[in-house]
Amino acid sequence: MWLHAPIKRNLHGLTREQAKLELAALIQTCEKEHLYCASVMTGYGTYTLKRQIPRWLVQHPKVRVLHQAPKEWGGEAAILILIDV
């Protein structure tokens, strides 16, 4: 049985610039609300965001780990992140 990530953000359809701003806002919200896990929906599409988002996340000092979401949480179209709060 899987629990659900307490916060989710759907970035599918956004430009790279919009997605980067949304990721920053997501991490800030997690810090403020003391949420250590978030789910980021990238969608399938051209995989542009799917490839770029991990590159951004590994550079952020608060991101501890990221992983492809299990099927129940979006599978290949989502990334789970654990944040150091």
C-alpha atoms as a PDB file:
ATOM      1  CA  MET A   1       0.000   0.000   0.000  1.00  0.00           C
ATOM      2  CA  TRP A   2       1.420   3.385  -1.047  1.00  0.00           C
ATOM      3  CA  LEU A   3       0.870   6.594   0.798  1.00  0.00           C
ATOM      4  CA  HIS A   4       0.483   9.784  -1.205  1.00  0.00           C
ATOM      5  CA  ALA A   5       2.990  12.601  -1.434  1.00  0.00           C
ATOM      6  CA  PRO A   6       1.645  15.469   0.663  1.00  0.00           C
ATOM      7  CA  ILE A   7       2.221  17.975  -2.137  1.00  0.00           C
ATOM      8  CA  LYS A   8       2.085  17.623  -5.912  1.00  0.00           C
ATOM      9  CA  ARG A   9       2.946  19.982  -8.735  1.00  0.00           C
ATOM     10  CA  ASN A  10       2.010  19.401 -12.369  1.00  0.00           C
ATOM     11  CA  LEU A  11       4.587  20.950 -14.704  1.00  0.00           C
ATOM     12  CA  HIS A  12       3.338  19.305 -17.880  1.00  0.00           C
ATOM     13  CA  GLY A  13       2.838  21.867 -20.639  1.00  0.00           C
ATOM     14  CA  LEU A  14       4.936  24.600 -19.011  1.00  0.00           C
ATOM     15  CA  THR A  15       7.957  26.215 -20.632  1.00  0.00           C
ATOM     16  CA  ARG A  16      11.372  25.539 -19.117  1.00  0.00           C
ATOM     17  CA  GLU A  17      11.381  28.958 -17.480  1.00  0.00           C
ATOM     18  CA  GLN A  18       7.905  28.470 -16.003  1.00  0.00           C
ATOM     19  CA  ALA A  19       8.799  24.980 -14.795  1.00  0.00           C
ATOM     20  CA  LYS A  20      11.967  26.213 -13.095  1.00  0.00           C
ATOM     21  CA  LEU A  21      10.014  28.910 -11.238  1.00  0.00           C
ATOM     22  CA  GLU A  22       7.355  26.381 -10.201  1.00  0.00           C
ATOM     23  CA  LEU A  23      10.023  24.006  -8.868  1.00  0.00           C
ATOM     24  CA  ALA A  24      11.552  26.784  -6.787  1.00  0.00           C
ATOM     25  CA  ALA A  25       8.108  27.660  -5.406  1.00  0.00           C
ATOM     26  CA  LEU A  26       7.436  23.991  -4.639  1.00  0.00           C
ATOM     27  CA  ILE A  27      10.661  23.626  -2.668  1.00  0.00           C
ATOM     28  CA  GLN A  28       9.954  26.839  -0.756  1.00  0.00           C
ATOM     29  CA  THR A  29       6.456  25.610   0.082  1.00  0.00           C
ATOM     30  CA  CYS A  30       7.849  22.299   1.300  1.00  0.00           C
ATOM     31  CA  GLU A  31      10.314  24.112   3.550  1.00  0.00           C
ATOM     32  CA  LYS A  32       7.645  26.446   4.912  1.00  0.00           C
ATOM     33  CA  GLU A  33       5.149  23.645   5.561  1.00  0.00           C
ATOM     34  CA  HIS A  34       7.823  21.151   6.758  1.00  0.00           C
ATOM     35  CA  LEU A  35       6.929  18.672   4.015  1.00  0.00           C
ATOM     36  CA  TYR A  36       9.765  16.328   3.135  1.00  0.00           C
ATOM     37  CA  CYS A  37       8.243  14.635   0.077  1.00  0.00           C
ATOM     38  CA  ALA A  38       6.797  16.068  -3.124  1.00  0.00           C
ATOM     39  CA  SER A  39       5.627  14.660  -6.425  1.00  0.00           C
ATOM     40  CA  VAL A  40       6.426  16.497  -9.652  1.00  0.00           C
ATOM     41  CA  MET A  41       4.394  15.567 -12.723  1.00  0.00           C
ATOM     42  CA  THR A  42       6.433  16.041 -15.892  1.00  0.00           C
ATOM     43  CA  GLY A  43       4.086  14.377 -18.344  1.00  0.00           C
ATOM     44  CA  TYR A  44       5.159  12.258 -21.291  1.00  0.00           C
ATOM     45  CA  GLY A  45       5.202  14.617 -24.283  1.00  0.00           C
ATOM     46  CA  THR A  46       8.671  15.169 -25.719  1.00  0.00           C
ATOM     47  CA  TYR A  47      10.401  14.347 -22.417  1.00  0.00           C
ATOM     48  CA  THR A  48      12.001  17.812 -22.426  1.00  0.00           C
ATOM     49  CA  LEU A  49      11.016  18.557 -18.832  1.00  0.00           C
ATOM     50  CA  LYS A  50      11.557  14.937 -17.774  1.00  0.00           C
ATOM     51  CA  ARG A  51      15.222  15.285 -18.785  1.00  0.00           C
ATOM     52  CA  GLN A  52      15.738  18.851 -17.537  1.00  0.00           C
ATOM     53  CA  ILE A  53      14.064  18.741 -14.125  1.00  0.00           C
ATOM     54  CA  PRO A  54      16.493  16.231 -12.554  1.00  0.00           C
ATOM     55  CA  ARG A  55      19.395  18.425 -13.695  1.00  0.00           C
ATOM     56  CA  TRP A  56      17.890  21.375 -11.857  1.00  0.00           C
ATOM     57  CA  LEU A  57      16.950  19.399  -8.763  1.00  0.00           C
ATOM     58  CA  VAL A  58      20.399  17.869  -8.161  1.00  0.00           C
ATOM     59  CA  GLN A  59      21.818  21.402  -8.024  1.00  0.00           C
ATOM     60  CA  HIS A  60      19.468  22.512  -5.252  1.00  0.00           C
ATOM     61  CA  PRO A  61      21.026  22.219  -1.759  1.00  0.00           C
ATOM     62  CA  LYS A  62      17.704  21.256  -0.111  1.00  0.00           C
ATOM     63  CA  VAL A  63      16.959  18.319  -2.435  1.00  0.00           C
ATOM     64  CA  ARG A  64      18.226  15.133  -0.797  1.00  0.00           C
ATOM     65  CA  VAL A  65      17.121  12.574  -3.380  1.00  0.00           C
ATOM     66  CA  LEU A  66      14.941  12.212  -6.451  1.00  0.00           C
ATOM     67  CA  HIS A  67      13.540   9.137  -8.105  1.00  0.00           C
ATOM     68  CA  GLN A  68      11.060   8.137 -10.757  1.00  0.00           C
ATOM     69  CA  ALA A  69       7.655   7.793  -9.139  1.00  0.00           C
ATOM     70  CA  PRO A  70       6.063   4.378  -8.736  1.00  0.00           C
ATOM     71  CA  LYS A  71       3.225   3.545 -11.087  1.00  0.00           C
ATOM     72  CA  GLU A  72       0.633   4.501  -8.440  1.00  0.00           C
ATOM     73  CA  TRP A  73       2.055   8.053  -8.286  1.00  0.00           C
ATOM     74  CA  GLY A  74       2.495   8.694 -12.001  1.00  0.00           C
ATOM     75  CA  GLY A  75       5.215   6.269 -13.058  1.00  0.00           C
ATOM     76  CA  GLU A  76       7.357   7.520 -15.935  1.00  0.00           C
ATOM     77  CA  ALA A  77       5.446  10.809 -16.028  1.00  0.00           C
ATOM     78  CA  ALA A  78       6.410  11.829 -12.468  1.00  0.00           C
ATOM     79  CA  ILE A  79       9.409  12.347 -10.205  1.00  0.00           C
ATOM     80  CA  LEU A  80       9.406  12.081  -6.414  1.00  0.00           C
ATOM     81  CA  ILE A  81      11.722  14.337  -4.467  1.00  0.00           C
ATOM     82  CA  LEU A  82      12.772  14.237  -0.835  1.00  0.00           C
ATOM     83  CA  ILE A  83      13.630  17.586   0.639  1.00  0.00           C
ATOM     84  CA  ASP A  84      15.784  18.449   3.635  1.00  0.00           C
ATOM     85  CA  VAL A  85      13.434  20.494   5.805  1.00  0.00           C
END
